[in-house]
Amino acid sequence: MRRWLLLVAAVLAFSNTGCFLNIYSSNPNQRIEELLNTSEDLRQIGLEWQRIWFVDQPSHMTPQRIHGGIE
């Protein structure tokens, strides 16, 4: 009985090629829209990370004088 249960669990685990629930639609047109939205979100993560760590700001350690005030 234990071997049979283990065999059933192995078949269920290895028969799946990804997640148990697919996050994308089966409709090709809708799936393309979802994939484009996901890729755009992933592209925006890099810009958001730079903004959080202030990497997008000029360095104050530069030898050139940088005016940070409003003119």
PDB file of N, CA and C in Angstrom:
ATOM      1  N   MET A   1       0.824  -1.195   0.000  1.00  0.00           N
ATOM      2  CA  MET A   1       0.000   0.000   0.000  1.00  0.00           C
ATOM      3  C   MET A   1       0.870   1.261   0.000  1.00  0.00           C
ATOM      4  N   ARG A   2       1.956   1.203   0.766  1.00  0.00           N
ATOM      5  CA  ARG A   2       2.824   2.367   0.867  1.00  0.00           C
ATOM      6  C   ARG A   2       3.546   2.618  -0.463  1.00  0.00           C
ATOM      7  N   ARG A   3       3.969   1.548  -1.136  1.00  0.00           N
ATOM      8  CA  ARG A   3       4.630   1.691  -2.433  1.00  0.00           C
ATOM      9  C   ARG A   3       3.670   2.265  -3.475  1.00  0.00           C
ATOM     10  N   TRP A   4       2.419   1.823  -3.426  1.00  0.00           N
ATOM     11  CA  TRP A   4       1.433   2.300  -4.384  1.00  0.00           C
ATOM     12  C   TRP A   4       1.202   3.797  -4.183  1.00  0.00           C
ATOM     13  N   LEU A   5       1.112   4.215  -2.927  1.00  0.00           N
ATOM     14  CA  LEU A   5       0.917   5.636  -2.622  1.00  0.00           C
ATOM     15  C   LEU A   5       2.120   6.465  -3.076  1.00  0.00           C
ATOM     16  N   LEU A   6       3.307   5.925  -2.868  1.00  0.00           N
ATOM     17  CA  LEU A   6       4.525   6.606  -3.300  1.00  0.00           C
ATOM     18  C   LEU A   6       4.575   6.694  -4.827  1.00  0.00           C
ATOM     19  N   LEU A   7       4.163   5.647  -5.506  1.00  0.00           N
ATOM     20  CA  LEU A   7       4.138   5.645  -6.963  1.00  0.00           C
ATOM     21  C   LEU A   7       3.146   6.682  -7.496  1.00  0.00           C
ATOM     22  N   VAL A   8       1.979   6.763  -6.915  1.00  0.00           N
ATOM     23  CA  VAL A   8       0.979   7.752  -7.329  1.00  0.00           C
ATOM     24  C   VAL A   8       1.501   9.167  -7.093  1.00  0.00           C
ATOM     25  N   ALA A   9       2.143   9.408  -5.969  1.00  0.00           N
ATOM     26  CA  ALA A   9       2.695  10.736  -5.680  1.00  0.00           C
ATOM     27  C   ALA A   9       3.797  11.094  -6.675  1.00  0.00           C
ATOM     28  N   ALA A  10       4.632  10.121  -7.031  1.00  0.00           N
ATOM     29  CA  ALA A  10       5.709  10.376  -7.994  1.00  0.00           C
ATOM     30  C   ALA A  10       5.148  10.664  -9.376  1.00  0.00           C
ATOM     31  N   VAL A  11       4.123   9.922  -9.791  1.00  0.00           N
ATOM     32  CA  VAL A  11       3.512  10.158 -11.100  1.00  0.00           C
ATOM     33  C   VAL A  11       2.881  11.540 -11.144  1.00  0.00           C
ATOM     34  N   LEU A  12       2.205  11.931 -10.097  1.00  0.00           N
ATOM     35  CA  LEU A  12       1.596  13.265 -10.058  1.00  0.00           C
ATOM     36  C   LEU A  12       2.652  14.369 -10.061  1.00  0.00           C
ATOM     37  N   ALA A  13       3.746  14.143  -9.359  1.00  0.00           N
ATOM     38  CA  ALA A  13       4.788  15.164  -9.267  1.00  0.00           C
ATOM     39  C   ALA A  13       5.536  15.323 -10.587  1.00  0.00           C
ATOM     40  N   PHE A  14       5.829  14.201 -11.254  1.00  0.00           N
ATOM     41  CA  PHE A  14       6.631  14.278 -12.474  1.00  0.00           C
ATOM     42  C   PHE A  14       5.807  14.468 -13.738  1.00  0.00           C
ATOM     43  N   SER A  15       4.503  14.306 -13.666  1.00  0.00           N
ATOM     44  CA  SER A  15       3.681  14.494 -14.856  1.00  0.00           C
ATOM     45  C   SER A  15       3.414  15.962 -15.127  1.00  0.00           C
ATOM     46  N   ASN A  16       3.624  16.795 -14.147  1.00  0.00           N
ATOM     47  CA  ASN A  16       3.384  18.216 -14.300  1.00  0.00           C
ATOM     48  C   ASN A  16       4.652  18.877 -14.842  1.00  0.00           C
ATOM     49  N   THR A  17       4.519  19.735 -15.849  1.00  0.00           N
ATOM     50  CA  THR A  17       5.690  20.377 -16.445  1.00  0.00           C
ATOM     51  C   THR A  17       5.967  21.755 -15.860  1.00  0.00           C
ATOM     52  N   GLY A  18       5.131  22.236 -14.989  1.00  0.00           N
ATOM     53  CA  GLY A  18       5.326  23.556 -14.397  1.00  0.00           C
ATOM     54  C   GLY A  18       4.546  23.649 -13.112  1.00  0.00           C
ATOM     55  N   CYS A  19       3.849  24.732 -12.952  1.00  0.00           N
ATOM     56  CA  CYS A  19       3.004  24.909 -11.779  1.00  0.00           C
ATOM     57  C   CYS A  19       1.726  24.078 -11.923  1.00  0.00           C
ATOM     58  N   PHE A  20       1.108  23.767 -10.821  1.00  0.00           N
ATOM     59  CA  PHE A  20      -0.147  23.031 -10.877  1.00  0.00           C
ATOM     60  C   PHE A  20      -1.244  23.885 -11.490  1.00  0.00           C
ATOM     61  N   LEU A  21      -1.211  25.170 -11.215  1.00  0.00           N
ATOM     62  CA  LEU A  21      -2.177  26.096 -11.793  1.00  0.00           C
ATOM     63  C   LEU A  21      -1.424  27.052 -12.705  1.00  0.00           C
ATOM     64  N   ASN A  22      -1.804  27.091 -13.961  1.00  0.00           N
ATOM     65  CA  ASN A  22      -1.156  27.973 -14.913  1.00  0.00           C
ATOM     66  C   ASN A  22      -1.612  29.404 -14.667  1.00  0.00           C
ATOM     67  N   ILE A  23      -0.672  30.343 -14.635  1.00  0.00           N
ATOM     68  CA  ILE A  23      -1.044  31.731 -14.354  1.00  0.00           C
ATOM     69  C   ILE A  23      -1.462  32.470 -15.609  1.00  0.00           C
ATOM     70  N   TYR A  24      -1.168  31.898 -16.786  1.00  0.00           N
ATOM     71  CA  TYR A  24      -1.521  32.549 -18.045  1.00  0.00           C
ATOM     72  C   TYR A  24      -2.736  31.884 -18.668  1.00  0.00           C
ATOM     73  N   SER A  25      -3.457  32.652 -19.454  1.00  0.00           N
ATOM     74  CA  SER A  25      -4.667  32.178 -20.103  1.00  0.00           C
ATOM     75  C   SER A  25      -4.324  31.204 -21.227  1.00  0.00           C
ATOM     76  N   SER A  26      -5.286  30.374 -21.603  1.00  0.00           N
ATOM     77  CA  SER A  26      -5.076  29.470 -22.729  1.00  0.00           C
ATOM     78  C   SER A  26      -5.375  30.156 -24.054  1.00  0.00           C
ATOM     79  N   ASN A  27      -6.049  31.290 -24.028  1.00  0.00           N
ATOM     80  CA  ASN A  27      -6.316  32.066 -25.228  1.00  0.00           C
ATOM     81  C   ASN A  27      -5.017  32.747 -25.668  1.00  0.00           C
ATOM     82  N   PRO A  28      -4.527  32.477 -26.900  1.00  0.00           N
ATOM     83  CA  PRO A  28      -3.225  33.029 -27.321  1.00  0.00           C
ATOM     84  C   PRO A  28      -3.163  34.554 -27.296  1.00  0.00           C
ATOM     85  N   ASN A  29      -4.229  35.233 -27.694  1.00  0.00           N
ATOM     86  CA  ASN A  29      -4.209  36.700 -27.704  1.00  0.00           C
ATOM     87  C   ASN A  29      -4.140  37.270 -26.292  1.00  0.00           C
ATOM     88  N   GLN A  30      -4.887  36.706 -25.393  1.00  0.00           N
ATOM     89  CA  GLN A  30      -4.869  37.170 -24.005  1.00  0.00           C
ATOM     90  C   GLN A  30      -3.545  36.810 -23.331  1.00  0.00           C
ATOM     91  N   ARG A  31      -2.983  35.638 -23.687  1.00  0.00           N
ATOM     92  CA  ARG A  31      -1.709  35.205 -23.100  1.00  0.00           C
ATOM     93  C   ARG A  31      -0.587  36.152 -23.515  1.00  0.00           C
ATOM     94  N   ILE A  32      -0.597  36.617 -24.777  1.00  0.00           N
ATOM     95  CA  ILE A  32       0.427  37.567 -25.235  1.00  0.00           C
ATOM     96  C   ILE A  32       0.332  38.871 -24.446  1.00  0.00           C
ATOM     97  N   GLU A  33      -0.880  39.348 -24.223  1.00  0.00           N
ATOM     98  CA  GLU A  33      -1.058  40.570 -23.414  1.00  0.00           C
ATOM     99  C   GLU A  33      -0.513  40.374 -22.000  1.00  0.00           C
ATOM    100  N   GLU A  34      -0.795  39.212 -21.407  1.00  0.00           N
ATOM    101  CA  GLU A  34      -0.303  38.937 -20.050  1.00  0.00           C
ATOM    102  C   GLU A  34       1.217  38.845 -20.021  1.00  0.00           C
ATOM    103  N   LEU A  35       1.816  38.210 -21.027  1.00  0.00           N
ATOM    104  CA  LEU A  35       3.275  38.104 -21.079  1.00  0.00           C
ATOM    105  C   LEU A  35       3.927  39.467 -21.289  1.00  0.00           C
ATOM    106  N   LEU A  36       3.326  40.305 -22.114  1.00  0.00           N
ATOM    107  CA  LEU A  36       3.859  41.659 -22.306  1.00  0.00           C
ATOM    108  C   LEU A  36       3.785  42.473 -21.022  1.00  0.00           C
ATOM    109  N   ASN A  37       2.694  42.351 -20.299  1.00  0.00           N
ATOM    110  CA  ASN A  37       2.579  43.061 -19.017  1.00  0.00           C
ATOM    111  C   ASN A  37       3.613  42.565 -18.020  1.00  0.00           C
ATOM    112  N   THR A  38       3.841  41.256 -17.987  1.00  0.00           N
ATOM    113  CA  THR A  38       4.831  40.690 -17.062  1.00  0.00           C
ATOM    114  C   THR A  38       6.232  41.166 -17.413  1.00  0.00           C
ATOM    115  N   SER A  39       6.578  41.161 -18.701  1.00  0.00           N
ATOM    116  CA  SER A  39       7.920  41.588 -19.092  1.00  0.00           C
ATOM    117  C   SER A  39       8.121  43.082 -18.819  1.00  0.00           C
ATOM    118  N   GLU A  40       7.082  43.882 -18.997  1.00  0.00           N
ATOM    119  CA  GLU A  40       7.197  45.313 -18.698  1.00  0.00           C
ATOM    120  C   GLU A  40       7.387  45.532 -17.194  1.00  0.00           C
ATOM    121  N   ASP A  41       6.702  44.744 -16.386  1.00  0.00           N
ATOM    122  CA  ASP A  41       6.887  44.841 -14.938  1.00  0.00           C
ATOM    123  C   ASP A  41       8.316  44.483 -14.549  1.00  0.00           C
ATOM    124  N   LEU A  42       8.872  43.441 -15.181  1.00  0.00           N
ATOM    125  CA  LEU A  42      10.240  43.041 -14.870  1.00  0.00           C
ATOM    126  C   LEU A  42      11.241  44.103 -15.311  1.00  0.00           C
ATOM    127  N   ARG A  43      10.955  44.793 -16.415  1.00  0.00           N
ATOM    128  CA  ARG A  43      11.839  45.864 -16.877  1.00  0.00           C
ATOM    129  C   ARG A  43      11.820  47.031 -15.901  1.00  0.00           C
ATOM    130  N   GLN A  44      10.665  47.321 -15.341  1.00  0.00           N
ATOM    131  CA  GLN A  44      10.526  48.450 -14.427  1.00  0.00           C
ATOM    132  C   GLN A  44      11.188  48.191 -13.075  1.00  0.00           C
ATOM    133  N   ILE A  45      11.400  46.923 -12.727  1.00  0.00           N
ATOM    134  CA  ILE A  45      12.014  46.602 -11.430  1.00  0.00           C
ATOM    135  C   ILE A  45      13.412  47.191 -11.333  1.00  0.00           C
ATOM    136  N   GLY A  46      14.183  47.112 -12.433  1.00  0.00           N
ATOM    137  CA  GLY A  46      15.543  47.667 -12.417  1.00  0.00           C
ATOM    138  C   GLY A  46      15.559  49.160 -12.162  1.00  0.00           C
ATOM    139  N   LEU A  47      14.661  49.883 -12.806  1.00  0.00           N
ATOM    140  CA  LEU A  47      14.594  51.330 -12.581  1.00  0.00           C
ATOM    141  C   LEU A  47      14.152  51.651 -11.156  1.00  0.00           C
ATOM    142  N   GLU A  48      13.215  50.872 -10.650  1.00  0.00           N
ATOM    143  CA  GLU A  48      12.746  51.088  -9.278  1.00  0.00           C
ATOM    144  C   GLU A  48      13.860  50.801  -8.273  1.00  0.00           C
ATOM    145  N   TRP A  49      14.659  49.761  -8.531  1.00  0.00           N
ATOM    146  CA  TRP A  49      15.773  49.410  -7.646  1.00  0.00           C
ATOM    147  C   TRP A  49      16.807  50.534  -7.618  1.00  0.00           C
ATOM    148  N   GLN A  50      17.092  51.120  -8.777  1.00  0.00           N
ATOM    149  CA  GLN A  50      18.039  52.232  -8.816  1.00  0.00           C
ATOM    150  C   GLN A  50      17.494  53.435  -8.052  1.00  0.00           C
ATOM    151  N   ARG A  51      16.201  53.675  -8.155  1.00  0.00           N
ATOM    152  CA  ARG A  51      15.610  54.811  -7.446  1.00  0.00           C
ATOM    153  C   ARG A  51      15.657  54.592  -5.939  1.00  0.00           C
ATOM    154  N   ILE A  52      15.410  53.345  -5.497  1.00  0.00           N
ATOM    155  CA  ILE A  52      15.417  53.058  -4.064  1.00  0.00           C
ATOM    156  C   ILE A  52      16.810  53.259  -3.479  1.00  0.00           C
ATOM    157  N   TRP A  53      17.856  52.799  -4.204  1.00  0.00           N
ATOM    158  CA  TRP A  53      19.220  52.898  -3.696  1.00  0.00           C
ATOM    159  C   TRP A  53      19.905  54.197  -4.108  1.00  0.00           C
ATOM    160  N   PHE A  54      19.162  55.143  -4.687  1.00  0.00           N
ATOM    161  CA  PHE A  54      19.677  56.450  -5.098  1.00  0.00           C
ATOM    162  C   PHE A  54      20.838  56.338  -6.082  1.00  0.00           C
ATOM    163  N   VAL A  55      20.853  55.302  -6.895  1.00  0.00           N
ATOM    164  CA  VAL A  55      21.893  55.129  -7.901  1.00  0.00           C
ATOM    165  C   VAL A  55      21.637  56.068  -9.079  1.00  0.00           C
ATOM    166  N   ASP A  56      20.402  56.493  -9.251  1.00  0.00           N
ATOM    167  CA  ASP A  56      20.074  57.371 -10.366  1.00  0.00           C
ATOM    168  C   ASP A  56      20.433  58.831 -10.082  1.00  0.00           C
ATOM    169  N   GLN A  57      20.920  59.133  -8.880  1.00  0.00           N
ATOM    170  CA  GLN A  57      21.303  60.488  -8.512  1.00  0.00           C
ATOM    171  C   GLN A  57      22.783  60.701  -8.815  1.00  0.00           C
ATOM    172  N   PRO A  58      23.206  61.939  -9.081  1.00  0.00           N
ATOM    173  CA  PRO A  58      24.638  62.179  -9.302  1.00  0.00           C
ATOM    174  C   PRO A  58      25.426  61.984  -8.006  1.00  0.00           C
ATOM    175  N   SER A  59      26.640  61.502  -8.154  1.00  0.00           N
ATOM    176  CA  SER A  59      27.482  61.262  -6.984  1.00  0.00           C
ATOM    177  C   SER A  59      28.050  62.576  -6.458  1.00  0.00           C
ATOM    178  N   HIS A  60      28.131  62.732  -5.167  1.00  0.00           N
ATOM    179  CA  HIS A  60      28.717  63.922  -4.558  1.00  0.00           C
ATOM    180  C   HIS A  60      30.211  63.754  -4.349  1.00  0.00           C
ATOM    181  N   MET A  61      30.740  62.601  -4.762  1.00  0.00           N
ATOM    182  CA  MET A  61      32.165  62.343  -4.625  1.00  0.00           C
ATOM    183  C   MET A  61      32.932  62.721  -5.895  1.00  0.00           C
ATOM    184  N   THR A  62      32.275  63.329  -6.877  1.00  0.00           N
ATOM    185  CA  THR A  62      32.937  63.682  -8.127  1.00  0.00           C
ATOM    186  C   THR A  62      33.818  64.908  -7.925  1.00  0.00           C
ATOM    187  N   PRO A  63      34.905  65.012  -8.691  1.00  0.00           N
ATOM    188  CA  PRO A  63      35.764  66.205  -8.565  1.00  0.00           C
ATOM    189  C   PRO A  63      35.130  67.467  -9.121  1.00  0.00           C
ATOM    190  N   GLN A  64      34.135  67.295 -10.019  1.00  0.00           N
ATOM    191  CA  GLN A  64      33.464  68.465 -10.578  1.00  0.00           C
ATOM    192  C   GLN A  64      32.424  68.979  -9.577  1.00  0.00           C
ATOM    193  N   ARG A  65      32.227  70.269  -9.620  1.00  0.00           N
ATOM    194  CA  ARG A  65      31.242  70.886  -8.731  1.00  0.00           C
ATOM    195  C   ARG A  65      29.857  70.646  -9.311  1.00  0.00           C
ATOM    196  N   ILE A  66      28.960  70.069  -8.519  1.00  0.00           N
ATOM    197  CA  ILE A  66      27.595  69.817  -8.954  1.00  0.00           C
ATOM    198  C   ILE A  66      26.675  70.664  -8.103  1.00  0.00           C
ATOM    199  N   HIS A  67      25.900  71.514  -8.773  1.00  0.00           N
ATOM    200  CA  HIS A  67      24.965  72.361  -8.058  1.00  0.00           C
ATOM    201  C   HIS A  67      23.666  71.597  -7.886  1.00  0.00           C
ATOM    202  N   GLY A  68      23.240  71.335  -6.671  1.00  0.00           N
ATOM    203  CA  GLY A  68      22.037  70.573  -6.436  1.00  0.00           C
ATOM    204  C   GLY A  68      20.819  71.412  -6.139  1.00  0.00           C
ATOM    205  N   GLY A  69      20.972  72.697  -6.102  1.00  0.00           N
ATOM    206  CA  GLY A  69      19.851  73.568  -5.769  1.00  0.00           C
ATOM    207  C   GLY A  69      19.053  73.994  -6.979  1.00  0.00           C
ATOM    208  N   ILE A  70      17.998  74.706  -6.714  1.00  0.00           N
ATOM    209  CA  ILE A  70      17.147  75.214  -7.792  1.00  0.00           C
ATOM    210  C   ILE A  70      17.685  76.564  -8.224  1.00  0.00           C
ATOM    211  N   GLU A  71      17.829  76.748  -9.533  1.00  0.00           N
ATOM    212  CA  GLU A  71      18.361  78.021 -10.022  1.00  0.00           C
ATOM    213  C   GLU A  71      17.264  78.979 -10.362  1.00  0.00           C
TER     214      GLU A  71
END
